[in-house]
Full PDB file with SEQRES, HELIX, SHEET, SSBOND, CRYST1, ORIGX, SCALE, CONECT and MASTER records, all heavy atoms in Angstrom:
SEQRES   1 A   33  TYR GLU ALA TYR GLN TYR SER GLY GLY GLU ASN TRP LYS          
SEQRES   2 A   33  ALA THR ALA SER TYR PRO PRO LEU LEU TYR PRO THR HIS          
SEQRES   3 A   33  SER VAL GLY GLY VAL LEU GLY                                  
HELIX    1 AA1 GLU A    2  GLY A    8  1                                   7    
HELIX    2 AA2 GLY A    9  ASN A   11  5                                   3    
HELIX    3 AA3 TRP A   12  ALA A   16  1                                   5    
HELIX    4 AA4 PRO A   20  LEU A   22  5                                   3    
HELIX    5 AA5 THR A   25  LEU A   32  1                                   8    
CRYST1    1.000    1.000    1.000  90.00  90.00  90.00 P 1           1          
ORIGX1      1.000000  0.000000  0.000000        0.00000                         
ORIGX2      0.000000  1.000000  0.000000        0.00000                         
ORIGX3      0.000000  0.000000  1.000000        0.00000                         
SCALE1      1.000000  0.000000  0.000000        0.00000                         
SCALE2      0.000000  1.000000  0.000000        0.00000                         
SCALE3      0.000000  0.000000  1.000000        0.00000                         
ATOM      1  N   TYR A   1      14.445  -0.129   0.226  1.00  0.00           N  
ATOM      2  CA  TYR A   1      14.970  -0.778  -0.973  1.00  0.00           C  
ATOM      3  C   TYR A   1      16.364  -1.338  -0.706  1.00  0.00           C  
ATOM      4  O   TYR A   1      16.661  -2.501  -1.005  1.00  0.00           O  
ATOM      5  CB  TYR A   1      15.014   0.207  -2.150  1.00  0.00           C  
ATOM      6  CG  TYR A   1      13.722   0.342  -2.904  1.00  0.00           C  
ATOM      7  CD1 TYR A   1      12.755   1.252  -2.494  1.00  0.00           C  
ATOM      8  CD2 TYR A   1      13.455  -0.449  -4.011  1.00  0.00           C  
ATOM      9  CE1 TYR A   1      11.558   1.391  -3.173  1.00  0.00           C  
ATOM     10  CE2 TYR A   1      12.254  -0.329  -4.699  1.00  0.00           C  
ATOM     11  CZ  TYR A   1      11.309   0.598  -4.275  1.00  0.00           C  
ATOM     12  OH  TYR A   1      10.117   0.704  -4.951  1.00  0.00           O  
ATOM     13  N   GLU A   2      17.241  -0.507  -0.115  1.00  0.00           N  
ATOM     14  CA  GLU A   2      18.598  -0.942   0.190  1.00  0.00           C  
ATOM     15  C   GLU A   2      18.614  -2.098   1.187  1.00  0.00           C  
ATOM     16  O   GLU A   2      19.410  -3.032   1.062  1.00  0.00           O  
ATOM     17  CB  GLU A   2      19.414   0.228   0.741  1.00  0.00           C  
ATOM     18  CG  GLU A   2      19.673   1.334  -0.273  1.00  0.00           C  
ATOM     19  CD  GLU A   2      18.642   2.442  -0.196  1.00  0.00           C  
ATOM     20  OE1 GLU A   2      17.481   2.156   0.180  1.00  0.00           O  
ATOM     21  OE2 GLU A   2      18.991   3.585  -0.506  1.00  0.00           O  
ATOM     22  N   ALA A   3      17.725  -2.037   2.175  1.00  0.00           N  
ATOM     23  CA  ALA A   3      17.682  -3.100   3.183  1.00  0.00           C  
ATOM     24  C   ALA A   3      17.292  -4.429   2.564  1.00  0.00           C  
ATOM     25  O   ALA A   3      17.895  -5.481   2.860  1.00  0.00           O  
ATOM     26  CB  ALA A   3      16.699  -2.721   4.292  1.00  0.00           C  
ATOM     27  N   TYR A   4      16.289  -4.429   1.701  1.00  0.00           N  
ATOM     28  CA  TYR A   4      15.873  -5.672   1.056  1.00  0.00           C  
ATOM     29  C   TYR A   4      16.925  -6.169   0.071  1.00  0.00           C  
ATOM     30  O   TYR A   4      17.134  -7.385  -0.067  1.00  0.00           O  
ATOM     31  CB  TYR A   4      14.528  -5.484   0.353  1.00  0.00           C  
ATOM     32  CG  TYR A   4      13.339  -5.573   1.282  1.00  0.00           C  
ATOM     33  CD1 TYR A   4      12.598  -4.447   1.615  1.00  0.00           C  
ATOM     34  CD2 TYR A   4      12.966  -6.794   1.844  1.00  0.00           C  
ATOM     35  CE1 TYR A   4      11.503  -4.530   2.470  1.00  0.00           C  
ATOM     36  CE2 TYR A   4      11.880  -6.886   2.699  1.00  0.00           C  
ATOM     37  CZ  TYR A   4      11.154  -5.748   3.009  1.00  0.00           C  
ATOM     38  OH  TYR A   4      10.082  -5.845   3.856  1.00  0.00           O  
ATOM     39  N   GLN A   5      17.612  -5.277  -0.610  1.00  0.00           N  
ATOM     40  CA  GLN A   5      18.674  -5.681  -1.510  1.00  0.00           C  
ATOM     41  C   GLN A   5      19.814  -6.332  -0.731  1.00  0.00           C  
ATOM     42  O   GLN A   5      20.412  -7.314  -1.189  1.00  0.00           O  
ATOM     43  CB  GLN A   5      19.172  -4.470  -2.298  1.00  0.00           C  
ATOM     44  CG  GLN A   5      18.182  -3.973  -3.343  1.00  0.00           C  
ATOM     45  CD  GLN A   5      18.485  -2.570  -3.837  1.00  0.00           C  
ATOM     46  OE1 GLN A   5      19.424  -1.913  -3.363  1.00  0.00           O  
ATOM     47  NE2 GLN A   5      17.678  -2.084  -4.770  1.00  0.00           N  
ATOM     48  N   TYR A   6      20.105  -5.787   0.456  1.00  0.00           N  
ATOM     49  CA  TYR A   6      21.181  -6.335   1.296  1.00  0.00           C  
ATOM     50  C   TYR A   6      20.844  -7.744   1.761  1.00  0.00           C  
ATOM     51  O   TYR A   6      21.685  -8.640   1.752  1.00  0.00           O  
ATOM     52  CB  TYR A   6      21.389  -5.404   2.489  1.00  0.00           C  
ATOM     53  CG  TYR A   6      22.519  -5.804   3.415  1.00  0.00           C  
ATOM     54  CD1 TYR A   6      23.814  -5.350   3.200  1.00  0.00           C  
ATOM     55  CD2 TYR A   6      22.289  -6.620   4.523  1.00  0.00           C  
ATOM     56  CE1 TYR A   6      24.853  -5.702   4.050  1.00  0.00           C  
ATOM     57  CE2 TYR A   6      23.315  -6.985   5.377  1.00  0.00           C  
ATOM     58  CZ  TYR A   6      24.598  -6.516   5.133  1.00  0.00           C  
ATOM     59  OH  TYR A   6      25.616  -6.874   5.975  1.00  0.00           O  
ATOM     60  N   SER A   7      19.593  -7.938   2.158  1.00  0.00           N  
ATOM     61  CA  SER A   7      19.218  -9.227   2.751  1.00  0.00           C  
ATOM     62  C   SER A   7      18.677 -10.228   1.735  1.00  0.00           C  
ATOM     63  O   SER A   7      18.728 -11.434   1.969  1.00  0.00           O  
ATOM     64  CB  SER A   7      18.164  -9.022   3.844  1.00  0.00           C  
ATOM     65  OG  SER A   7      16.995  -8.425   3.305  1.00  0.00           O  
ATOM     66  N   GLY A   8      18.171  -9.736   0.597  1.00  0.00           N  
ATOM     67  CA  GLY A   8      17.486 -10.631  -0.329  1.00  0.00           C  
ATOM     68  C   GLY A   8      18.253 -11.055  -1.549  1.00  0.00           C  
ATOM     69  O   GLY A   8      17.799 -11.941  -2.298  1.00  0.00           O  
ATOM     70  N   GLY A   9      19.420 -10.434  -1.783  1.00  0.00           N  
ATOM     71  CA  GLY A   9      20.214 -10.815  -2.943  1.00  0.00           C  
ATOM     72  C   GLY A   9      19.499 -10.530  -4.257  1.00  0.00           C  
ATOM     73  O   GLY A   9      18.690  -9.603  -4.361  1.00  0.00           O  
ATOM     74  N   GLU A  10      19.770 -11.341  -5.267  1.00  0.00           N  
ATOM     75  CA  GLU A  10      19.212 -11.113  -6.599  1.00  0.00           C  
ATOM     76  C   GLU A  10      17.688 -11.184  -6.615  1.00  0.00           C  
ATOM     77  O   GLU A  10      17.040 -10.554  -7.453  1.00  0.00           O  
ATOM     78  CB  GLU A  10      19.784 -12.127  -7.599  1.00  0.00           C  
ATOM     79  CG  GLU A  10      21.284 -11.965  -7.856  1.00  0.00           C  
ATOM     80  CD  GLU A  10      21.791 -12.962  -8.871  1.00  0.00           C  
ATOM     81  OE1 GLU A  10      20.973 -13.790  -9.357  1.00  0.00           O  
ATOM     82  OE2 GLU A  10      22.995 -12.938  -9.193  1.00  0.00           O  
ATOM     83  N   ASN A  11      17.121 -11.939  -5.700  1.00  0.00           N  
ATOM     84  CA  ASN A  11      15.670 -12.141  -5.670  1.00  0.00           C  
ATOM     85  C   ASN A  11      14.976 -11.183  -4.699  1.00  0.00           C  
ATOM     86  O   ASN A  11      13.876 -11.455  -4.228  1.00  0.00           O  
ATOM     87  CB  ASN A  11      15.367 -13.600  -5.271  1.00  0.00           C  
ATOM     88  CG  ASN A  11      13.953 -14.009  -5.630  1.00  0.00           C  
ATOM     89  OD1 ASN A  11      13.427 -13.629  -6.671  1.00  0.00           O  
ATOM     90  ND2 ASN A  11      13.336 -14.805  -4.768  1.00  0.00           N  
ATOM     91  N   TRP A  12      15.588 -10.049  -4.440  1.00  0.00           N  
ATOM     92  CA  TRP A  12      15.107  -9.175  -3.370  1.00  0.00           C  
ATOM     93  C   TRP A  12      13.703  -8.645  -3.611  1.00  0.00           C  
ATOM     94  O   TRP A  12      12.959  -8.423  -2.657  1.00  0.00           O  
ATOM     95  CB  TRP A  12      16.073  -8.013  -3.160  1.00  0.00           C  
ATOM     96  CG  TRP A  12      16.127  -7.008  -4.275  1.00  0.00           C  
ATOM     97  CD1 TRP A  12      16.918  -7.052  -5.378  1.00  0.00           C  
ATOM     98  CD2 TRP A  12      15.364  -5.808  -4.389  1.00  0.00           C  
ATOM     99  NE1 TRP A  12      16.691  -5.962  -6.176  1.00  0.00           N  
ATOM    100  CE2 TRP A  12      15.753  -5.174  -5.595  1.00  0.00           C  
ATOM    101  CE3 TRP A  12      14.393  -5.198  -3.587  1.00  0.00           C  
ATOM    102  CZ2 TRP A  12      15.199  -3.972  -6.019  1.00  0.00           C  
ATOM    103  CZ3 TRP A  12      13.837  -3.996  -3.999  1.00  0.00           C  
ATOM    104  CH2 TRP A  12      14.236  -3.400  -5.203  1.00  0.00           C  
ATOM    105  N   LYS A  13      13.289  -8.457  -4.847  1.00  0.00           N  
ATOM    106  CA  LYS A  13      11.956  -7.905  -5.094  1.00  0.00           C  
ATOM    107  C   LYS A  13      10.851  -8.865  -4.643  1.00  0.00           C  
ATOM    108  O   LYS A  13       9.761  -8.424  -4.278  1.00  0.00           O  
ATOM    109  CB  LYS A  13      11.791  -7.561  -6.571  1.00  0.00           C  
ATOM    110  CG  LYS A  13      12.581  -6.337  -7.004  1.00  0.00           C  
ATOM    111  CD  LYS A  13      12.260  -5.932  -8.428  1.00  0.00           C  
ATOM    112  CE  LYS A  13      13.024  -4.677  -8.810  1.00  0.00           C  
ATOM    113  NZ  LYS A  13      12.714  -4.237 -10.194  1.00  0.00           N  
ATOM    114  N   ALA A  14      11.129 -10.148  -4.654  1.00  0.00           N  
ATOM    115  CA  ALA A  14      10.127 -11.122  -4.220  1.00  0.00           C  
ATOM    116  C   ALA A  14       9.822 -10.973  -2.737  1.00  0.00           C  
ATOM    117  O   ALA A  14       8.696 -11.235  -2.289  1.00  0.00           O  
ATOM    118  CB  ALA A  14      10.594 -12.543  -4.516  1.00  0.00           C  
ATOM    119  N   THR A  15      10.809 -10.532  -1.951  1.00  0.00           N  
ATOM    120  CA  THR A  15      10.608 -10.401  -0.503  1.00  0.00           C  
ATOM    121  C   THR A  15      10.294  -8.962  -0.087  1.00  0.00           C  
ATOM    122  O   THR A  15       9.720  -8.736   0.974  1.00  0.00           O  
ATOM    123  CB  THR A  15      11.841 -10.890   0.266  1.00  0.00           C  
ATOM    124  OG1 THR A  15      12.992 -10.122  -0.127  1.00  0.00           O  
ATOM    125  CG2 THR A  15      12.112 -12.353  -0.038  1.00  0.00           C  
ATOM    126  N   ALA A  16      10.661  -7.978  -0.941  1.00  0.00           N  
ATOM    127  CA  ALA A  16      10.351  -6.586  -0.621  1.00  0.00           C  
ATOM    128  C   ALA A  16       8.856  -6.323  -0.634  1.00  0.00           C  
ATOM    129  O   ALA A  16       8.398  -5.289  -0.137  1.00  0.00           O  
ATOM    130  CB  ALA A  16      11.049  -5.651  -1.608  1.00  0.00           C  
ATOM    131  N   SER A  17       8.088  -7.260  -1.174  1.00  0.00           N  
ATOM    132  CA  SER A  17       6.627  -7.141  -1.220  1.00  0.00           C  
ATOM    133  C   SER A  17       5.970  -7.645   0.057  1.00  0.00           C  
ATOM    134  O   SER A  17       4.760  -7.874   0.087  1.00  0.00           O  
ATOM    135  CB  SER A  17       6.101  -7.959  -2.392  1.00  0.00           C  
ATOM    136  OG  SER A  17       6.487  -9.322  -2.237  1.00  0.00           O  
ATOM    137  N   TYR A  18       6.755  -7.810   1.121  1.00  0.00           N  
ATOM    138  CA  TYR A  18       6.226  -8.320   2.388  1.00  0.00           C  
ATOM    139  C   TYR A  18       4.987  -7.516   2.802  1.00  0.00           C  
ATOM    140  O   TYR A  18       5.024  -6.284   2.872  1.00  0.00           O  
ATOM    141  CB  TYR A  18       7.306  -8.209   3.467  1.00  0.00           C  
ATOM    142  CG  TYR A  18       6.963  -8.927   4.748  1.00  0.00           C  
ATOM    143  CD1 TYR A  18       7.150 -10.296   4.873  1.00  0.00           C  
ATOM    144  CD2 TYR A  18       6.454  -8.226   5.835  1.00  0.00           C  
ATOM    145  CE1 TYR A  18       6.842 -10.952   6.056  1.00  0.00           C  
ATOM    146  CE2 TYR A  18       6.136  -8.871   7.010  1.00  0.00           C  
ATOM    147  CZ  TYR A  18       6.336 -10.231   7.113  1.00  0.00           C  
ATOM    148  OH  TYR A  18       6.018 -10.881   8.283  1.00  0.00           O  
ATOM    149  N   PRO A  19       3.864  -8.186   3.093  1.00  0.00           N  
ATOM    150  CA  PRO A  19       2.614  -7.470   3.391  1.00  0.00           C  
ATOM    151  C   PRO A  19       2.746  -6.565   4.620  1.00  0.00           C  
ATOM    152  O   PRO A  19       3.177  -7.033   5.689  1.00  0.00           O  
ATOM    153  CB  PRO A  19       1.613  -8.608   3.645  1.00  0.00           C  
ATOM    154  CG  PRO A  19       2.167  -9.773   2.889  1.00  0.00           C  
ATOM    155  CD  PRO A  19       3.660  -9.647   3.019  1.00  0.00           C  
ATOM    156  N   PRO A  20       2.395  -5.299   4.505  1.00  0.00           N  
ATOM    157  CA  PRO A  20       2.547  -4.376   5.639  1.00  0.00           C  
ATOM    158  C   PRO A  20       1.879  -4.856   6.927  1.00  0.00           C  
ATOM    159  O   PRO A  20       2.428  -4.690   8.014  1.00  0.00           O  
ATOM    160  CB  PRO A  20       1.901  -3.089   5.122  1.00  0.00           C  
ATOM    161  CG  PRO A  20       2.080  -3.143   3.650  1.00  0.00           C  
ATOM    162  CD  PRO A  20       1.937  -4.593   3.292  1.00  0.00           C  
ATOM    163  N   LEU A  21       0.693  -5.462   6.816  1.00  0.00           N  
ATOM    164  CA  LEU A  21      -0.021  -5.892   8.025  1.00  0.00           C  
ATOM    165  C   LEU A  21       0.571  -7.147   8.666  1.00  0.00           C  
ATOM    166  O   LEU A  21       0.182  -7.506   9.773  1.00  0.00           O  
ATOM    167  CB  LEU A  21      -1.503  -6.100   7.723  1.00  0.00           C  
ATOM    168  CG  LEU A  21      -2.308  -4.807   7.547  1.00  0.00           C  
ATOM    169  CD1 LEU A  21      -3.710  -5.107   7.023  1.00  0.00           C  
ATOM    170  CD2 LEU A  21      -2.383  -4.012   8.849  1.00  0.00           C  
ATOM    171  N   LEU A  22       1.512  -7.815   7.991  1.00  0.00           N  
ATOM    172  CA  LEU A  22       2.219  -8.925   8.632  1.00  0.00           C  
ATOM    173  C   LEU A  22       3.442  -8.431   9.395  1.00  0.00           C  
ATOM    174  O   LEU A  22       4.190  -9.232   9.966  1.00  0.00           O  
ATOM    175  CB  LEU A  22       2.640  -9.980   7.595  1.00  0.00           C  
ATOM    176  CG  LEU A  22       1.507 -10.747   6.917  1.00  0.00           C  
ATOM    177  CD1 LEU A  22       2.073 -11.906   6.097  1.00  0.00           C  
ATOM    178  CD2 LEU A  22       0.496 -11.281   7.931  1.00  0.00           C  
ATOM    179  N   TYR A  23       3.640  -7.127   9.402  1.00  0.00           N  
ATOM    180  CA  TYR A  23       4.694  -6.492  10.197  1.00  0.00           C  
ATOM    181  C   TYR A  23       4.027  -5.433  11.075  1.00  0.00           C  
ATOM    182  O   TYR A  23       4.299  -4.252  10.985  1.00  0.00           O  
ATOM    183  CB  TYR A  23       5.715  -5.863   9.249  1.00  0.00           C  
ATOM    184  CG  TYR A  23       6.980  -5.340   9.891  1.00  0.00           C  
ATOM    185  CD1 TYR A  23       7.688  -6.096  10.811  1.00  0.00           C  
ATOM    186  CD2 TYR A  23       7.476  -4.093   9.533  1.00  0.00           C  
ATOM    187  CE1 TYR A  23       8.854  -5.621  11.380  1.00  0.00           C  
ATOM    188  CE2 TYR A  23       8.644  -3.604  10.090  1.00  0.00           C  
ATOM    189  CZ  TYR A  23       9.333  -4.374  11.013  1.00  0.00           C  
ATOM    190  OH  TYR A  23      10.491  -3.893  11.574  1.00  0.00           O  
ATOM    191  N   PRO A  24       3.101  -5.875  11.960  1.00  0.00           N  
ATOM    192  CA  PRO A  24       2.198  -4.941  12.641  1.00  0.00           C  
ATOM    193  C   PRO A  24       2.655  -4.511  14.019  1.00  0.00           C  
ATOM    194  O   PRO A  24       1.994  -3.697  14.664  1.00  0.00           O  
ATOM    195  CB  PRO A  24       0.927  -5.782  12.788  1.00  0.00           C  
ATOM    196  CG  PRO A  24       1.477  -7.152  13.116  1.00  0.00           C  
ATOM    197  CD  PRO A  24       2.752  -7.267  12.292  1.00  0.00           C  
ATOM    198  N   THR A  25       3.763  -5.059  14.501  1.00  0.00           N  
ATOM    199  CA  THR A  25       4.023  -4.969  15.937  1.00  0.00           C  
ATOM    200  C   THR A  25       4.440  -3.577  16.396  1.00  0.00           C  
ATOM    201  O   THR A  25       4.262  -3.231  17.560  1.00  0.00           O  
ATOM    202  CB  THR A  25       5.086  -5.999  16.355  1.00  0.00           C  
ATOM    203  OG1 THR A  25       6.298  -5.748  15.618  1.00  0.00           O  
ATOM    204  CG2 THR A  25       4.608  -7.410  16.070  1.00  0.00           C  
ATOM    205  N   HIS A  26       5.014  -2.755  15.496  1.00  0.00           N  
ATOM    206  CA  HIS A  26       5.357  -1.386  15.909  1.00  0.00           C  
ATOM    207  C   HIS A  26       4.092  -0.577  16.194  1.00  0.00           C  
ATOM    208  O   HIS A  26       4.010   0.132  17.201  1.00  0.00           O  
ATOM    209  CB  HIS A  26       6.172  -0.692  14.822  1.00  0.00           C  
ATOM    210  CG  HIS A  26       7.529  -1.282  14.608  1.00  0.00           C  
ATOM    211  ND1 HIS A  26       8.247  -1.917  15.600  1.00  0.00           N  
ATOM    212  CD2 HIS A  26       8.314  -1.330  13.499  1.00  0.00           C  
ATOM    213  CE1 HIS A  26       9.404  -2.326  15.122  1.00  0.00           C  
ATOM    214  NE2 HIS A  26       9.463  -1.986  13.841  1.00  0.00           N  
ATOM    215  N   SER A  27       3.101  -0.669  15.310  1.00  0.00           N  
ATOM    216  CA  SER A  27       1.880   0.112  15.492  1.00  0.00           C  
ATOM    217  C   SER A  27       0.962  -0.509  16.546  1.00  0.00           C  
ATOM    218  O   SER A  27       0.485   0.186  17.452  1.00  0.00           O  
ATOM    219  CB  SER A  27       1.142   0.261  14.165  1.00  0.00           C  
ATOM    220  OG  SER A  27       0.894  -0.986  13.555  1.00  0.00           O  
ATOM    221  N   VAL A  28       0.721  -1.824  16.457  1.00  0.00           N  
ATOM    222  CA  VAL A  28      -0.147  -2.493  17.426  1.00  0.00           C  
ATOM    223  C   VAL A  28       0.504  -2.515  18.812  1.00  0.00           C  
ATOM    224  O   VAL A  28      -0.140  -2.211  19.830  1.00  0.00           O  
ATOM    225  CB  VAL A  28      -0.477  -3.926  16.967  1.00  0.00           C  
ATOM    226  CG1 VAL A  28      -1.240  -4.682  18.051  1.00  0.00           C  
ATOM    227  CG2 VAL A  28      -1.278  -3.903  15.666  1.00  0.00           C  
ATOM    228  N   GLY A  29       1.794  -2.857  18.855  1.00  0.00           N  
ATOM    229  CA  GLY A  29       2.488  -2.943  20.143  1.00  0.00           C  
ATOM    230  C   GLY A  29       2.596  -1.610  20.844  1.00  0.00           C  
ATOM    231  O   GLY A  29       2.548  -1.538  22.075  1.00  0.00           O  
ATOM    232  N   GLY A  30       2.737  -0.529  20.069  1.00  0.00           N  
ATOM    233  CA  GLY A  30       2.808   0.787  20.688  1.00  0.00           C  
ATOM    234  C   GLY A  30       1.515   1.187  21.357  1.00  0.00           C  
ATOM    235  O   GLY A  30       1.515   1.882  22.376  1.00  0.00           O  
ATOM    236  N   VAL A  31       0.384   0.753  20.791  1.00  0.00           N  
ATOM    237  CA  VAL A  31      -0.923   1.016  21.409  1.00  0.00           C  
ATOM    238  C   VAL A  31      -1.139   0.102  22.607  1.00  0.00           C  
ATOM    239  O   VAL A  31      -1.432   0.555  23.730  1.00  0.00           O  
ATOM    240  CB  VAL A  31      -2.056   0.840  20.377  1.00  0.00           C  
ATOM    241  CG1 VAL A  31      -3.415   0.863  21.078  1.00  0.00           C  
ATOM    242  CG2 VAL A  31      -1.980   1.917  19.302  1.00  0.00           C  
ATOM    243  N   LEU A  32      -1.010  -1.212  22.390  1.00  0.00           N  
ATOM    244  CA  LEU A  32      -1.313  -2.167  23.461  1.00  0.00           C  
ATOM    245  C   LEU A  32      -0.253  -2.176  24.560  1.00  0.00           C  
ATOM    246  O   LEU A  32      -0.517  -2.633  25.672  1.00  0.00           O  
ATOM    247  CB  LEU A  32      -1.479  -3.568  22.873  1.00  0.00           C  
ATOM    248  CG  LEU A  32      -2.650  -3.740  21.895  1.00  0.00           C  
ATOM    249  CD1 LEU A  32      -2.745  -5.196  21.439  1.00  0.00           C  
ATOM    250  CD2 LEU A  32      -3.967  -3.298  22.536  1.00  0.00           C  
ATOM    251  N   GLY A  33       0.937  -1.652  24.251  1.00  0.00           N  
ATOM    252  CA  GLY A  33       1.960  -1.529  25.282  1.00  0.00           C  
ATOM    253  C   GLY A  33       1.584  -0.533  26.361  1.00  0.00           C  
ATOM    254  O   GLY A  33       2.136  -0.554  27.460  1.00  0.00           O  
TER     255      GLY A  33                                                      
MASTER        0    0    0    5    0    0    0    6  254    1    0    3          
END                                                                             
């Protein structure tokens, strides 16, 4: 919450809804690495 508020300003809730599977590289990369 704090991270999105820092980066997103007043409209932070619109970006805090970023789809989890569009940020897959920690889980996928850890396996395929």
